Amino acid sequence: MKPVKLGLIGVGTVGASTARVLKNNALEIARRAGREIEIIHASRRDISLGMPEGNDHILLTDNPFEVVDNPDLDVI
């Protein structure tokens, strides 16, 4: 089954922690939900800060509307 593709708007304290929790608990989440969850796009005001460690594969933008308009996302 295809993973649920997720977008995050805001990668400050809460958004970064959300990304970290989803990554650290990916196996348990997939087991309970029946599908993997994959963050593929995120926005933050200062993209020079990047994503939390281990989430470097996520497309990062400073424009939240790019995330909203991404047709590949299932959930924002």
PDB file of N, CA and C in Angstrom:
ATOM      1  N   MET A   1       0.840  -1.173   0.000  1.00  0.00           N
ATOM      2  CA  MET A   1       0.000   0.000   0.000  1.00  0.00           C
ATOM      3  C   MET A   1       0.890   1.243   0.000  1.00  0.00           C
ATOM      4  N   LYS A   2       0.458   2.283  -0.723  1.00  0.00           N
ATOM      5  CA  LYS A   2       1.226   3.515  -0.817  1.00  0.00           C
ATOM      6  C   LYS A   2       1.239   4.250   0.519  1.00  0.00           C
ATOM      7  N   PRO A   3       2.358   4.922   0.832  1.00  0.00           N
ATOM      8  CA  PRO A   3       2.398   5.706   2.063  1.00  0.00           C
ATOM      9  C   PRO A   3       1.514   6.943   1.968  1.00  0.00           C
ATOM     10  N   VAL A   4       1.077   7.433   3.110  1.00  0.00           N
ATOM     11  CA  VAL A   4       0.374   8.708   3.188  1.00  0.00           C
ATOM     12  C   VAL A   4       1.441   9.793   3.099  1.00  0.00           C
ATOM     13  N   LYS A   5       1.312  10.667   2.112  1.00  0.00           N
ATOM     14  CA  LYS A   5       2.299  11.729   1.912  1.00  0.00           C
ATOM     15  C   LYS A   5       1.824  12.983   2.617  1.00  0.00           C
ATOM     16  N   LEU A   6       2.683  13.492   3.496  1.00  0.00           N
ATOM     17  CA  LEU A   6       2.329  14.554   4.423  1.00  0.00           C
ATOM     18  C   LEU A   6       3.125  15.815   4.141  1.00  0.00           C
ATOM     19  N   GLY A   7       2.483  16.969   4.306  1.00  0.00           N
ATOM     20  CA  GLY A   7       3.153  18.258   4.240  1.00  0.00           C
ATOM     21  C   GLY A   7       3.037  18.963   5.577  1.00  0.00           C
ATOM     22  N   LEU A   8       4.078  19.686   5.956  1.00  0.00           N
ATOM     23  CA  LEU A   8       4.077  20.449   7.208  1.00  0.00           C
ATOM     24  C   LEU A   8       4.175  21.934   6.891  1.00  0.00           C
ATOM     25  N   ILE A   9       3.360  22.724   7.550  1.00  0.00           N
ATOM     26  CA  ILE A   9       3.484  24.173   7.451  1.00  0.00           C
ATOM     27  C   ILE A   9       3.965  24.655   8.805  1.00  0.00           C
ATOM     28  N   GLY A  10       5.186  25.116   8.822  1.00  0.00           N
ATOM     29  CA  GLY A  10       5.813  25.548  10.061  1.00  0.00           C
ATOM     30  C   GLY A  10       6.699  24.459  10.630  1.00  0.00           C
ATOM     31  N   VAL A  11       7.985  24.737  10.681  1.00  0.00           N
ATOM     32  CA  VAL A  11       8.940  23.768  11.220  1.00  0.00           C
ATOM     33  C   VAL A  11       9.728  24.453  12.335  1.00  0.00           C
ATOM     34  N   GLY A  12       8.974  25.084  13.225  1.00  0.00           N
ATOM     35  CA  GLY A  12       9.585  25.674  14.408  1.00  0.00           C
ATOM     36  C   GLY A  12       9.630  24.621  15.503  1.00  0.00           C
ATOM     37  N   THR A  13       9.341  25.006  16.710  1.00  0.00           N
ATOM     38  CA  THR A  13       9.377  24.081  17.840  1.00  0.00           C
ATOM     39  C   THR A  13       8.391  22.934  17.663  1.00  0.00           C
ATOM     40  N   VAL A  14       7.143  23.247  17.358  1.00  0.00           N
ATOM     41  CA  VAL A  14       6.109  22.215  17.243  1.00  0.00           C
ATOM     42  C   VAL A  14       6.274  21.396  15.970  1.00  0.00           C
ATOM     43  N   GLY A  15       6.464  22.060  14.834  1.00  0.00           N
ATOM     44  CA  GLY A  15       6.603  21.341  13.568  1.00  0.00           C
ATOM     45  C   GLY A  15       7.821  20.437  13.537  1.00  0.00           C
ATOM     46  N   ALA A  16       8.948  20.923  14.064  1.00  0.00           N
ATOM     47  CA  ALA A  16      10.164  20.107  14.107  1.00  0.00           C
ATOM     48  C   ALA A  16       9.968  18.907  15.025  1.00  0.00           C
ATOM     49  N   SER A  17       9.298  19.121  16.145  1.00  0.00           N
ATOM     50  CA  SER A  17       9.020  18.001  17.053  1.00  0.00           C
ATOM     51  C   SER A  17       8.071  17.001  16.413  1.00  0.00           C
ATOM     52  N   THR A  18       7.093  17.486  15.666  1.00  0.00           N
ATOM     53  CA  THR A  18       6.174  16.593  14.953  1.00  0.00           C
ATOM     54  C   THR A  18       6.935  15.734  13.955  1.00  0.00           C
ATOM     55  N   ALA A  19       7.819  16.349  13.176  1.00  0.00           N
ATOM     56  CA  ALA A  19       8.621  15.602  12.202  1.00  0.00           C
ATOM     57  C   ALA A  19       9.478  14.557  12.905  1.00  0.00           C
ATOM     58  N   ARG A  20      10.064  14.930  14.031  1.00  0.00           N
ATOM     59  CA  ARG A  20      10.923  14.014  14.788  1.00  0.00           C
ATOM     60  C   ARG A  20      10.116  12.831  15.333  1.00  0.00           C
ATOM     61  N   VAL A  21       8.949  13.102  15.895  1.00  0.00           N
ATOM     62  CA  VAL A  21       8.099  12.037  16.444  1.00  0.00           C
ATOM     63  C   VAL A  21       7.641  11.090  15.339  1.00  0.00           C
ATOM     64  N   LEU A  22       7.223  11.637  14.203  1.00  0.00           N
ATOM     65  CA  LEU A  22       6.787  10.785  13.091  1.00  0.00           C
ATOM     66  C   LEU A  22       7.927   9.903  12.595  1.00  0.00           C
ATOM     67  N   LYS A  23       9.130  10.453  12.525  1.00  0.00           N
ATOM     68  CA  LYS A  23      10.284   9.670  12.068  1.00  0.00           C
ATOM     69  C   LYS A  23      10.666   8.606  13.096  1.00  0.00           C
ATOM     70  N   ASN A  24      10.745   8.989  14.358  1.00  0.00           N
ATOM     71  CA  ASN A  24      11.182   8.058  15.404  1.00  0.00           C
ATOM     72  C   ASN A  24      10.182   6.941  15.669  1.00  0.00           C
ATOM     73  N   ASN A  25       8.914   7.175  15.356  1.00  0.00           N
ATOM     74  CA  ASN A  25       7.872   6.189  15.618  1.00  0.00           C
ATOM     75  C   ASN A  25       7.257   5.633  14.340  1.00  0.00           C
ATOM     76  N   ALA A  26       7.979   5.735  13.239  1.00  0.00           N
ATOM     77  CA  ALA A  26       7.447   5.363  11.922  1.00  0.00           C
ATOM     78  C   ALA A  26       6.945   3.924  11.874  1.00  0.00           C
ATOM     79  N   LEU A  27       7.673   2.996  12.446  1.00  0.00           N
ATOM     80  CA  LEU A  27       7.262   1.589  12.388  1.00  0.00           C
ATOM     81  C   LEU A  27       5.963   1.347  13.154  1.00  0.00           C
ATOM     82  N   GLU A  28       5.856   1.916  14.329  1.00  0.00           N
ATOM     83  CA  GLU A  28       4.647   1.741  15.138  1.00  0.00           C
ATOM     84  C   GLU A  28       3.446   2.437  14.493  1.00  0.00           C
ATOM     85  N   ILE A  29       3.669   3.618  13.941  1.00  0.00           N
ATOM     86  CA  ILE A  29       2.585   4.329  13.257  1.00  0.00           C
ATOM     87  C   ILE A  29       2.097   3.521  12.069  1.00  0.00           C
ATOM     88  N   ALA A  30       3.012   2.993  11.274  1.00  0.00           N
ATOM     89  CA  ALA A  30       2.642   2.185  10.104  1.00  0.00           C
ATOM     90  C   ALA A  30       1.892   0.925  10.530  1.00  0.00           C
ATOM     91  N   ARG A  31       2.326   0.322  11.616  1.00  0.00           N
ATOM     92  CA  ARG A  31       1.660  -0.889  12.097  1.00  0.00           C
ATOM     93  C   ARG A  31       0.224  -0.585  12.510  1.00  0.00           C
ATOM     94  N   ARG A  32       0.039   0.499  13.229  1.00  0.00           N
ATOM     95  CA  ARG A  32      -1.300   0.841  13.715  1.00  0.00           C
ATOM     96  C   ARG A  32      -2.205   1.399  12.624  1.00  0.00           C
ATOM     97  N   ALA A  33      -1.637   2.192  11.732  1.00  0.00           N
ATOM     98  CA  ALA A  33      -2.442   2.845  10.695  1.00  0.00           C
ATOM     99  C   ALA A  33      -2.620   1.980   9.452  1.00  0.00           C
ATOM    100  N   GLY A  34      -1.750   1.010   9.298  1.00  0.00           N
ATOM    101  CA  GLY A  34      -1.828   0.166   8.112  1.00  0.00           C
ATOM    102  C   GLY A  34      -1.127   0.755   6.905  1.00  0.00           C
ATOM    103  N   ARG A  35      -0.559   1.936   7.064  1.00  0.00           N
ATOM    104  CA  ARG A  35       0.189   2.599   5.994  1.00  0.00           C
ATOM    105  C   ARG A  35       1.318   3.403   6.604  1.00  0.00           C
ATOM    106  N   GLU A  36       2.405   3.519   5.865  1.00  0.00           N
ATOM    107  CA  GLU A  36       3.496   4.381   6.304  1.00  0.00           C
ATOM    108  C   GLU A  36       3.087   5.837   6.131  1.00  0.00           C
ATOM    109  N   ILE A  37       3.691   6.708   6.924  1.00  0.00           N
ATOM    110  CA  ILE A  37       3.501   8.144   6.785  1.00  0.00           C
ATOM    111  C   ILE A  37       4.844   8.734   6.393  1.00  0.00           C
ATOM    112  N   GLU A  38       4.841   9.509   5.326  1.00  0.00           N
ATOM    113  CA  GLU A  38       6.077  10.070   4.792  1.00  0.00           C
ATOM    114  C   GLU A  38       5.912  11.580   4.630  1.00  0.00           C
ATOM    115  N   ILE A  39       6.744  12.354   5.332  1.00  0.00           N
ATOM    116  CA  ILE A  39       6.735  13.805   5.147  1.00  0.00           C
ATOM    117  C   ILE A  39       7.566  14.092   3.904  1.00  0.00           C
ATOM    118  N   ILE A  40       6.958  14.766   2.925  1.00  0.00           N
ATOM    119  CA  ILE A  40       7.705  15.024   1.697  1.00  0.00           C
ATOM    120  C   ILE A  40       7.901  16.510   1.401  1.00  0.00           C
ATOM    121  N   HIS A  41       7.144  17.387   2.062  1.00  0.00           N
ATOM    122  CA  HIS A  41       7.246  18.820   1.771  1.00  0.00           C
ATOM    123  C   HIS A  41       6.954  19.593   3.051  1.00  0.00           C
ATOM    124  N   ALA A  42       7.721  20.642   3.311  1.00  0.00           N
ATOM    125  CA  ALA A  42       7.520  21.451   4.511  1.00  0.00           C
ATOM    126  C   ALA A  42       7.881  22.898   4.224  1.00  0.00           C
ATOM    127  N   SER A  43       7.314  23.794   5.016  1.00  0.00           N
ATOM    128  CA  SER A  43       7.669  25.209   4.893  1.00  0.00           C
ATOM    129  C   SER A  43       8.099  25.743   6.255  1.00  0.00           C
ATOM    130  N   ARG A  44       9.016  26.700   6.185  1.00  0.00           N
ATOM    131  CA  ARG A  44       9.432  27.435   7.377  1.00  0.00           C
ATOM    132  C   ARG A  44       9.939  28.794   6.933  1.00  0.00           C
ATOM    133  N   ARG A  45       9.844  29.774   7.802  1.00  0.00           N
ATOM    134  CA  ARG A  45      10.241  31.140   7.442  1.00  0.00           C
ATOM    135  C   ARG A  45      11.701  31.226   7.033  1.00  0.00           C
ATOM    136  N   ASP A  46      12.576  30.606   7.793  1.00  0.00           N
ATOM    137  CA  ASP A  46      14.019  30.681   7.529  1.00  0.00           C
ATOM    138  C   ASP A  46      14.515  29.309   7.099  1.00  0.00           C
ATOM    139  N   ILE A  47      14.567  29.081   5.793  1.00  0.00           N
ATOM    140  CA  ILE A  47      14.949  27.752   5.309  1.00  0.00           C
ATOM    141  C   ILE A  47      16.429  27.459   5.532  1.00  0.00           C
ATOM    142  N   SER A  48      17.222  28.487   5.867  1.00  0.00           N
ATOM    143  CA  SER A  48      18.638  28.230   6.154  1.00  0.00           C
ATOM    144  C   SER A  48      18.799  27.380   7.415  1.00  0.00           C
ATOM    145  N   LEU A  49      17.755  27.323   8.249  1.00  0.00           N
ATOM    146  CA  LEU A  49      17.799  26.490   9.455  1.00  0.00           C
ATOM    147  C   LEU A  49      17.605  25.015   9.132  1.00  0.00           C
ATOM    148  N   GLY A  50      17.085  24.727   7.939  1.00  0.00           N
ATOM    149  CA  GLY A  50      16.916  23.340   7.506  1.00  0.00           C
ATOM    150  C   GLY A  50      15.848  22.598   8.292  1.00  0.00           C
ATOM    151  N   MET A  51      15.908  21.280   8.163  1.00  0.00           N
ATOM    152  CA  MET A  51      14.974  20.384   8.842  1.00  0.00           C
ATOM    153  C   MET A  51      15.687  19.718  10.012  1.00  0.00           C
ATOM    154  N   PRO A  52      14.926  19.154  10.957  1.00  0.00           N
ATOM    155  CA  PRO A  52      15.551  18.410  12.051  1.00  0.00           C
ATOM    156  C   PRO A  52      16.415  17.280  11.497  1.00  0.00           C
ATOM    157  N   GLU A  53      17.424  16.920  12.245  1.00  0.00           N
ATOM    158  CA  GLU A  53      18.358  15.864  11.840  1.00  0.00           C
ATOM    159  C   GLU A  53      17.615  14.609  11.393  1.00  0.00           C
ATOM    160  N   GLY A  54      18.057  14.051  10.274  1.00  0.00           N
ATOM    161  CA  GLY A  54      17.458  12.832   9.753  1.00  0.00           C
ATOM    162  C   GLY A  54      16.286  13.073   8.822  1.00  0.00           C
ATOM    163  N   ASN A  55      15.938  14.330   8.604  1.00  0.00           N
ATOM    164  CA  ASN A  55      14.824  14.670   7.719  1.00  0.00           C
ATOM    165  C   ASN A  55      15.297  15.513   6.536  1.00  0.00           C
ATOM    166  N   ASP A  56      16.535  15.320   6.126  1.00  0.00           N
ATOM    167  CA  ASP A  56      17.126  16.120   5.057  1.00  0.00           C
ATOM    168  C   ASP A  56      16.495  15.859   3.694  1.00  0.00           C
ATOM    169  N   HIS A  57      15.790  14.767   3.535  1.00  0.00           N
ATOM    170  CA  HIS A  57      15.175  14.407   2.256  1.00  0.00           C
ATOM    171  C   HIS A  57      13.900  15.196   1.968  1.00  0.00           C
ATOM    172  N   ILE A  58      13.404  15.929   2.948  1.00  0.00           N
ATOM    173  CA  ILE A  58      12.139  16.657   2.810  1.00  0.00           C
ATOM    174  C   ILE A  58      12.363  17.941   2.016  1.00  0.00           C
ATOM    175  N   LEU A  59      11.528  18.166   1.007  1.00  0.00           N
ATOM    176  CA  LEU A  59      11.580  19.389   0.220  1.00  0.00           C
ATOM    177  C   LEU A  59      11.168  20.547   1.120  1.00  0.00           C
ATOM    178  N   LEU A  60      12.031  21.558   1.234  1.00  0.00           N
ATOM    179  CA  LEU A  60      11.800  22.662   2.160  1.00  0.00           C
ATOM    180  C   LEU A  60      11.648  23.967   1.387  1.00  0.00           C
ATOM    181  N   THR A  61      10.664  24.768   1.768  1.00  0.00           N
ATOM    182  CA  THR A  61      10.402  26.048   1.127  1.00  0.00           C
ATOM    183  C   THR A  61      10.073  27.089   2.186  1.00  0.00           C
ATOM    184  N   ASP A  62      10.210  28.368   1.814  1.00  0.00           N
ATOM    185  CA  ASP A  62       9.779  29.430   2.724  1.00  0.00           C
ATOM    186  C   ASP A  62       8.384  29.944   2.355  1.00  0.00           C
ATOM    187  N   ASN A  63       7.748  29.306   1.380  1.00  0.00           N
ATOM    188  CA  ASN A  63       6.414  29.697   0.936  1.00  0.00           C
ATOM    189  C   ASN A  63       5.408  28.597   1.298  1.00  0.00           C
ATOM    190  N   PRO A  64       4.573  28.811   2.309  1.00  0.00           N
ATOM    191  CA  PRO A  64       3.626  27.769   2.714  1.00  0.00           C
ATOM    192  C   PRO A  64       2.618  27.407   1.628  1.00  0.00           C
ATOM    193  N   PHE A  65       2.361  28.328   0.706  1.00  0.00           N
ATOM    194  CA  PHE A  65       1.411  28.034  -0.368  1.00  0.00           C
ATOM    195  C   PHE A  65       1.949  26.989  -1.341  1.00  0.00           C
ATOM    196  N   GLU A  66       3.270  26.864  -1.433  1.00  0.00           N
ATOM    197  CA  GLU A  66       3.848  25.790  -2.247  1.00  0.00           C
ATOM    198  C   GLU A  66       3.475  24.431  -1.665  1.00  0.00           C
ATOM    199  N   VAL A  67       3.452  24.334  -0.350  1.00  0.00           N
ATOM    200  CA  VAL A  67       3.058  23.081   0.303  1.00  0.00           C
ATOM    201  C   VAL A  67       1.573  22.827   0.057  1.00  0.00           C
ATOM    202  N   VAL A  68       0.763  23.850   0.265  1.00  0.00           N
ATOM    203  CA  VAL A  68      -0.686  23.716   0.074  1.00  0.00           C
ATOM    204  C   VAL A  68      -1.017  23.309  -1.360  1.00  0.00           C
ATOM    205  N   ASP A  69      -0.298  23.849  -2.322  1.00  0.00           N
ATOM    206  CA  ASP A  69      -0.579  23.590  -3.735  1.00  0.00           C
ATOM    207  C   ASP A  69       0.087  22.330  -4.275  1.00  0.00           C
ATOM    208  N   ASN A  70       0.834  21.609  -3.455  1.00  0.00           N
ATOM    209  CA  ASN A  70       1.531  20.409  -3.919  1.00  0.00           C
ATOM    210  C   ASN A  70       0.517  19.285  -4.156  1.00  0.00           C
ATOM    211  N   PRO A  71       0.330  18.874  -5.411  1.00  0.00           N
ATOM    212  CA  PRO A  71      -0.672  17.847  -5.711  1.00  0.00           C
ATOM    213  C   PRO A  71      -0.282  16.444  -5.248  1.00  0.00           C
ATOM    214  N   ASP A  72       0.982  16.257  -4.873  1.00  0.00           N
ATOM    215  CA  ASP A  72       1.439  14.939  -4.432  1.00  0.00           C
ATOM    216  C   ASP A  72       1.110  14.652  -2.971  1.00  0.00           C
ATOM    217  N   LEU A  73       0.647  15.656  -2.229  1.00  0.00           N
ATOM    218  CA  LEU A  73       0.372  15.489  -0.802  1.00  0.00           C
ATOM    219  C   LEU A  73      -1.030  14.952  -0.558  1.00  0.00           C
ATOM    220  N   ASP A  74      -1.137  14.078   0.431  1.00  0.00           N
ATOM    221  CA  ASP A  74      -2.435  13.561   0.866  1.00  0.00           C
ATOM    222  C   ASP A  74      -2.977  14.350   2.054  1.00  0.00           C
ATOM    223  N   VAL A  75      -2.071  14.820   2.923  1.00  0.00           N
ATOM    224  CA  VAL A  75      -2.452  15.506   4.162  1.00  0.00           C
ATOM    225  C   VAL A  75      -1.498  16.666   4.394  1.00  0.00           C
ATOM    226  N   ILE A  76      -2.042  17.784   4.883  1.00  0.00           N
ATOM    227  CA  ILE A  76      -1.199  18.929   5.252  1.00  0.00           C
ATOM    228  C   ILE A  76      -1.433  19.212   6.715  1.00  0.00           C
TER     229      ILE A  76
END
